[in-house]
């Protein structure tokens, strides 16, 4: 066995047995792994959602990996007592035949969330002064490459061994909101052979925010948009085998996102992606940057990324 495989086996041997961890309002079953170890990133909790009728011996399930995992299923662990209602949405859409039977893997964030979710190769294209501002706010350089190695090289193999999954690209998607949107796009661009679809909800393109009551300058917008454009121009896969979902609202933090998203939309279209077939970009007037807004529209990316094709 290769040294890397030995290390992974040793790390996974430290895992506790999965245990139920759910409130009374959760649909389906949750299995929770505390302090999932990694050779590439800080340990963190992982919650796996299974449909109520999950069959370990039946047809294999698609898998959706989601960031900020504590905010997805249970208000008892969600930010501010709120959650996305992903369990109810996936169960309802599956029953309707709108999506394929799916397992959802909620990857909890850590105190290094900002550093783990900022795409390293886009960060490297920022002007030096902007890099320094991001480092100062986030607490250091990006850790996203290690975070993705953890997901792709450690967590996904564990999920595929432990559950009845369809491991191929076309049955594997990744999704998140805010900075979780950025790291989802980065995951698909860096590992196009692993992820067939990525959902970017309220994507936090600016990286930094203006002072209260102020707007981002045109110079600031251009600096970060150009960095993402430069990265995606070479890293985004050619169309035909992947799906991209983007959206944003118009209130609170989301009010800053439209100008960035318009530039990314033009780049994606310029790469030959067919809108509403290969990718979707939606604006939701009146929607804010919070779990209530994401819960209200989560069915849209779920239908697009996980629908029968």
Protein backbone atom coordinates (compact mmCIF):
# COMPACT_ATOMS: atom_id res chain seq x y z
CA UNK A 1 0.00 0.00 0.00
CA UNK A 2 1.30 3.47 -0.88
CA UNK A 3 2.36 5.76 2.00
CA UNK A 4 -0.51 8.14 1.23
CA UNK A 5 -3.03 5.32 1.41
CA UNK A 6 -1.53 4.12 4.69
CA UNK A 7 -1.85 7.61 6.12
CA UNK A 8 -5.44 7.87 4.99
CA UNK A 9 -6.28 4.48 6.46
CA UNK A 10 -4.70 5.53 9.76
CA UNK A 11 -6.63 8.79 9.78
CA UNK A 12 -9.95 7.14 9.02
CA UNK A 13 -9.34 4.56 11.73
CA UNK A 14 -9.57 7.44 14.22
CA UNK A 15 -13.13 8.23 13.20
CA UNK A 16 -15.83 7.58 15.79
CA UNK A 17 -18.84 5.54 14.79
CA UNK A 18 -21.51 7.56 13.05
CA UNK A 19 -24.23 8.65 15.47
CA UNK A 20 -27.65 10.28 15.01
CA UNK A 21 -27.46 14.04 15.50
CA UNK A 22 -30.75 15.64 14.56
CA UNK A 23 -33.57 17.72 15.90
CA UNK A 24 -37.26 16.76 15.67
CA UNK A 25 -37.79 18.75 12.45
CA UNK A 26 -35.19 16.93 10.34
CA UNK A 27 -36.49 14.89 7.41
CA UNK A 28 -34.58 11.67 6.73
CA UNK A 29 -31.59 10.58 8.79
CA UNK A 30 -28.43 12.38 9.80
CA UNK A 31 -25.14 10.66 10.60
CA UNK A 32 -22.53 12.83 12.24
CA UNK A 33 -18.76 12.44 12.27
CA UNK A 34 -16.91 14.57 14.80
CA UNK A 35 -13.47 15.98 14.05
CA UNK A 36 -13.02 14.18 10.75
CA UNK A 37 -9.22 14.07 10.41
CA UNK A 38 -7.19 15.19 7.42
CA UNK A 39 -3.59 15.34 6.33
CA UNK A 40 -4.36 18.49 4.31
CA UNK A 41 -6.69 20.63 6.43
CA UNK A 42 -7.87 21.15 9.99
CA UNK A 43 -10.21 18.47 11.35
CA UNK A 44 -13.88 19.34 11.22
CA UNK A 45 -17.31 17.85 11.75
CA UNK A 46 -19.10 16.25 8.81
CA UNK A 47 -22.83 15.52 8.70
CA UNK A 48 -24.22 13.04 6.17
CA UNK A 49 -27.91 13.28 5.30
CA UNK A 50 -29.60 10.09 4.11
CA UNK A 51 -33.11 9.82 2.69
CA UNK A 52 -35.60 8.17 5.03
CA UNK A 53 -35.82 5.21 2.63
CA UNK A 54 -32.06 4.97 2.03
CA UNK A 55 -31.25 1.50 0.71
CA UNK A 56 -27.62 0.39 1.06
CA UNK A 57 -28.18 -2.42 -1.44
CA UNK A 58 -30.36 -0.68 -4.01
CA UNK A 59 -29.50 1.60 -6.95
CA UNK A 60 -26.62 3.95 -6.07
CA UNK A 61 -27.26 7.52 -4.96
CA UNK A 62 -25.95 10.79 -6.33
CA UNK A 63 -23.95 12.85 -3.83
CA UNK A 64 -24.10 16.59 -3.17
CA UNK A 65 -21.23 18.03 -1.11
CA UNK A 66 -22.10 21.28 0.65
CA UNK A 67 -20.03 23.76 2.66
CA UNK A 68 -21.02 25.41 5.98
CA UNK A 69 -22.54 22.06 6.87
CA UNK A 70 -23.90 23.12 10.26
CA UNK A 71 -26.37 25.45 8.51
CA UNK A 72 -28.06 22.96 6.19
CA UNK A 73 -30.39 20.62 8.07
CA UNK A 74 -31.06 21.57 11.68
CA UNK A 75 -31.77 25.00 13.25
CA UNK A 76 -30.20 23.73 16.46
CA UNK A 77 -26.78 23.95 14.79
CA UNK A 78 -27.53 26.62 12.16
CA UNK A 79 -26.22 30.18 12.18
CA UNK A 80 -28.57 32.31 14.27
CA UNK A 81 -30.94 29.37 14.66
CA UNK A 82 -31.59 29.27 10.91
CA UNK A 83 -30.97 26.56 8.32
CA UNK A 84 -31.42 25.92 4.60
CA UNK A 85 -33.95 23.11 4.87
CA UNK A 86 -31.89 21.04 2.45
CA UNK A 87 -33.26 17.81 3.91
CA UNK A 88 -36.90 18.77 3.31
CA UNK A 89 -36.13 20.13 -0.17
CA UNK A 90 -34.18 17.07 -1.35
CA UNK A 91 -36.79 14.67 0.08
CA UNK A 92 -39.66 16.56 -1.57
CA UNK A 93 -37.96 16.88 -4.96
CA UNK A 94 -36.95 13.22 -4.95
CA UNK A 95 -40.51 12.14 -4.18
CA UNK A 96 -41.72 14.27 -7.10
CA UNK A 97 -39.15 12.71 -9.45
CA UNK A 98 -37.61 16.14 -10.03
CA UNK A 99 -34.14 15.05 -8.90
CA UNK A 100 -32.25 11.78 -8.63
CA UNK A 101 -32.12 10.05 -5.21
CA UNK A 102 -29.30 11.90 -3.44
CA UNK A 103 -27.14 11.81 -0.33
CA UNK A 104 -26.03 15.20 1.00
CA UNK A 105 -22.68 15.61 2.75
CA UNK A 106 -22.53 18.72 4.94
CA UNK A 107 -18.92 19.81 5.57
CA UNK A 108 -18.81 22.05 8.63
CA UNK A 109 -16.70 25.17 8.54
CA UNK A 110 -13.84 25.98 10.91
CA UNK A 111 -12.37 29.22 12.35
CA UNK A 112 -10.24 29.30 9.17
CA UNK A 113 -13.36 29.44 6.97
CA UNK A 114 -12.38 32.53 4.98
CA UNK A 115 -8.90 31.22 4.23
CA UNK A 116 -10.23 27.78 3.29
CA UNK A 117 -12.93 29.14 0.99
CA UNK A 118 -10.99 31.81 -0.96
CA UNK A 119 -9.71 30.31 -4.25
CA UNK A 120 -5.93 30.34 -4.06
CA UNK A 121 -5.18 30.62 -7.78
CA UNK A 122 -7.56 33.58 -8.17
CA UNK A 123 -6.08 35.21 -5.07
CA UNK A 124 -2.63 34.91 -6.63
CA UNK A 125 -3.82 37.14 -9.50
CA UNK A 126 -4.86 40.03 -7.25
CA UNK A 127 -2.79 43.21 -7.18
CA UNK A 128 -0.32 43.16 -4.28
CA UNK A 129 -2.13 45.87 -2.34
CA UNK A 130 -5.39 43.95 -2.60
CA UNK A 131 -3.69 40.72 -1.54
CA UNK A 132 -2.46 42.43 1.61
CA UNK A 133 -5.94 43.70 2.44
CA UNK A 134 -7.43 40.22 2.00
CA UNK A 135 -4.68 38.63 4.08
CA UNK A 136 -5.27 41.16 6.84
CA UNK A 137 -9.00 40.48 6.97
CA UNK A 138 -8.80 36.70 6.54
CA UNK A 139 -5.83 36.13 8.84
CA UNK A 140 -3.30 34.87 6.30
CA UNK A 141 -2.88 33.26 2.91
CA UNK A 142 -5.51 30.97 1.34
CA UNK A 143 -5.85 27.40 2.56
CA UNK A 144 -8.29 26.39 -0.17
CA UNK A 145 -5.99 23.99 -2.01
CA UNK A 146 -5.56 21.89 1.12
CA UNK A 147 -9.29 22.07 1.84
CA UNK A 148 -10.09 20.71 -1.62
CA UNK A 149 -7.48 17.96 -1.28
CA UNK A 150 -9.25 16.96 1.92
CA UNK A 151 -12.62 16.76 0.14
CA UNK A 152 -11.38 15.01 -2.99
CA UNK A 153 -8.67 12.77 -1.56
CA UNK A 154 -10.02 11.90 1.90
CA UNK A 155 -13.68 12.72 2.45
CA UNK A 156 -15.08 11.59 -0.90
CA UNK A 157 -13.30 8.20 -0.83
CA UNK A 158 -14.65 7.68 2.69
CA UNK A 159 -18.20 8.55 1.63
CA UNK A 160 -18.00 6.29 -1.43
CA UNK A 161 -16.75 3.38 0.71
CA UNK A 162 -19.24 3.91 3.51
CA UNK A 163 -22.43 4.58 1.56
CA UNK A 164 -24.18 3.34 -1.56
CA UNK A 165 -23.03 6.08 -3.93
CA UNK A 166 -22.52 6.57 -7.64
CA UNK A 167 -18.97 8.00 -7.49
CA UNK A 168 -18.64 9.21 -11.07
CA UNK A 169 -18.44 12.87 -12.06
CA UNK A 170 -21.93 13.05 -13.51
CA UNK A 171 -23.45 12.00 -10.17
CA UNK A 172 -21.32 14.25 -7.94
CA UNK A 173 -22.03 17.94 -7.30
CA UNK A 174 -20.80 20.60 -4.87
CA UNK A 175 -22.57 23.73 -3.60
CA UNK A 176 -22.33 26.57 -1.11
CA UNK A 177 -23.32 30.15 -0.41
CA UNK A 178 -21.29 33.35 -0.05
CA UNK A 179 -17.63 32.30 0.26
CA UNK A 180 -18.97 28.75 -0.07
CA UNK A 181 -19.98 29.70 -3.59
CA UNK A 182 -16.42 30.70 -4.43
CA UNK A 183 -14.92 27.45 -3.17
CA UNK A 184 -17.58 25.42 -5.03
CA UNK A 185 -16.61 27.06 -8.33
CA UNK A 186 -12.95 26.52 -7.50
CA UNK A 187 -13.61 22.84 -6.75
CA UNK A 188 -15.17 22.23 -10.16
CA UNK A 189 -12.47 24.20 -11.99
CA UNK A 190 -9.62 22.42 -10.17
CA UNK A 191 -11.21 18.94 -10.18
CA UNK A 192 -13.42 18.76 -13.27
CA UNK A 193 -12.99 15.00 -13.36
CA UNK A 194 -14.55 14.72 -9.87
CA UNK A 195 -17.42 17.23 -9.87
CA UNK A 196 -20.03 17.37 -12.60
CA UNK A 197 -21.87 20.38 -11.23
CA UNK A 198 -21.31 23.33 -8.90
CA UNK A 199 -23.84 25.62 -7.23
CA UNK A 200 -22.79 29.15 -6.34
CA UNK A 201 -25.46 30.84 -4.20
CA UNK A 202 -24.99 34.53 -3.31
CA UNK A 203 -21.38 34.24 -4.41
CA UNK A 204 -19.17 36.62 -2.43
CA UNK A 205 -17.09 37.92 -5.33
CA UNK A 206 -15.76 41.14 -3.69
CA UNK A 207 -13.66 39.31 -1.04
CA UNK A 208 -13.63 42.59 0.89
CA UNK A 209 -16.50 44.87 1.87
CA UNK A 210 -16.85 48.66 1.97
CA UNK A 211 -17.40 50.57 5.19
CA UNK A 212 -21.00 50.86 6.35
CA UNK A 213 -22.99 53.11 4.06
CA UNK A 214 -20.33 53.16 1.34
CA UNK A 215 -20.00 51.35 -1.96
CA UNK A 216 -17.09 49.47 -3.45
CA UNK A 217 -14.97 51.58 -5.75
CA UNK A 218 -14.72 50.81 -9.45
CA UNK A 219 -11.01 50.17 -8.89
CA UNK A 220 -11.76 47.58 -6.23
CA UNK A 221 -14.41 45.88 -8.36
CA UNK A 222 -12.09 45.69 -11.34
CA UNK A 223 -9.19 44.29 -9.30
CA UNK A 224 -11.05 41.26 -8.01
CA UNK A 225 -13.23 40.69 -11.10
CA UNK A 226 -10.12 40.72 -13.30
CA UNK A 227 -8.44 38.20 -10.99
CA UNK A 228 -11.36 35.78 -11.25
CA UNK A 229 -11.66 36.32 -14.99
CA UNK A 230 -7.97 35.63 -15.49
CA UNK A 231 -8.16 32.44 -13.48
CA UNK A 232 -11.39 31.12 -15.03
CA UNK A 233 -10.35 31.95 -18.58
CA UNK A 234 -7.80 29.14 -18.41
CA UNK A 235 -9.24 26.92 -15.65
CA UNK A 236 -12.95 26.66 -16.51
CA UNK A 237 -13.70 23.38 -18.30
CA UNK A 238 -15.02 23.45 -21.83
CA UNK A 239 -18.81 23.08 -21.96
CA UNK A 240 -20.75 19.88 -22.42
CA UNK A 241 -19.93 17.75 -19.38
CA UNK A 242 -20.52 20.10 -16.42
CA UNK A 243 -23.22 22.32 -14.92
CA UNK A 244 -22.82 25.72 -13.27
CA UNK A 245 -25.47 27.51 -11.21
CA UNK A 246 -24.99 31.14 -10.09
CA UNK A 247 -27.37 33.45 -8.27
CA UNK A 248 -27.55 36.55 -6.10
CA UNK A 249 -30.11 38.76 -4.40
CA UNK A 250 -30.31 42.52 -4.17
CA UNK A 251 -30.28 43.26 -0.45
CA UNK A 252 -27.64 43.35 2.33
CA UNK A 253 -24.31 41.89 1.12
CA UNK A 254 -25.89 40.64 -2.08
CA UNK A 255 -26.38 44.19 -3.35
CA UNK A 256 -22.65 44.29 -4.19
CA UNK A 257 -22.62 41.20 -6.40
CA UNK A 258 -24.41 42.05 -9.66
CA UNK A 259 -21.51 43.88 -11.33
CA UNK A 260 -19.12 40.99 -10.65
CA UNK A 261 -21.62 38.36 -11.75
CA UNK A 262 -22.26 40.15 -15.03
CA UNK A 263 -18.57 39.92 -15.87
CA UNK A 264 -18.40 36.24 -14.93
CA UNK A 265 -21.53 35.56 -16.98
CA UNK A 266 -19.92 37.13 -20.04
CA UNK A 267 -16.81 35.02 -19.55
CA UNK A 268 -18.79 31.78 -19.18
CA UNK A 269 -20.83 32.58 -22.29
CA UNK A 270 -17.64 33.47 -24.16
CA UNK A 271 -16.26 30.02 -23.36
CA UNK A 272 -19.17 28.52 -25.27
CA UNK A 273 -21.42 27.45 -22.37
CA UNK A 274 -25.10 27.40 -23.34
CA UNK A 275 -27.22 29.42 -20.94
CA UNK A 276 -30.04 27.53 -19.21
CA UNK A 277 -28.63 24.25 -20.52
CA UNK A 278 -25.02 24.18 -19.25
CA UNK A 279 -25.31 27.04 -16.79
CA UNK A 280 -27.81 29.29 -15.04
CA UNK A 281 -27.34 32.78 -13.60
CA UNK A 282 -30.28 34.21 -11.67
CA UNK A 283 -31.03 37.45 -9.86
CA UNK A 284 -33.59 37.47 -7.04
CA UNK A 285 -34.77 41.05 -6.32
CA UNK A 286 -35.48 41.58 -2.64
CA UNK A 287 -33.48 38.53 -1.51
CA UNK A 288 -30.90 39.07 1.23
CA UNK A 289 -27.67 37.36 2.23
CA UNK A 290 -29.02 34.87 4.76
CA UNK A 291 -30.31 31.36 5.33
CA UNK A 292 -33.97 32.39 4.98
CA UNK A 293 -33.36 33.67 1.44
CA UNK A 294 -31.30 30.61 0.48
CA UNK A 295 -33.93 28.28 1.89
CA UNK A 296 -36.60 30.02 -0.18
CA UNK A 297 -34.81 29.23 -3.47
CA UNK A 298 -32.69 26.15 -2.77
CA UNK A 299 -34.96 23.98 -4.91
CA UNK A 300 -33.82 25.85 -8.04
CA UNK A 301 -30.13 24.82 -7.91
CA UNK A 302 -31.10 21.36 -6.65
CA UNK A 303 -33.33 20.80 -9.68
CA UNK A 304 -30.66 22.03 -12.06
CA UNK A 305 -27.67 20.18 -10.60
CA UNK A 306 -29.38 16.93 -9.60
CA UNK A 307 -32.25 16.62 -12.04
CA UNK A 308 -32.58 13.45 -14.14
CA UNK A 309 -30.64 13.78 -17.40
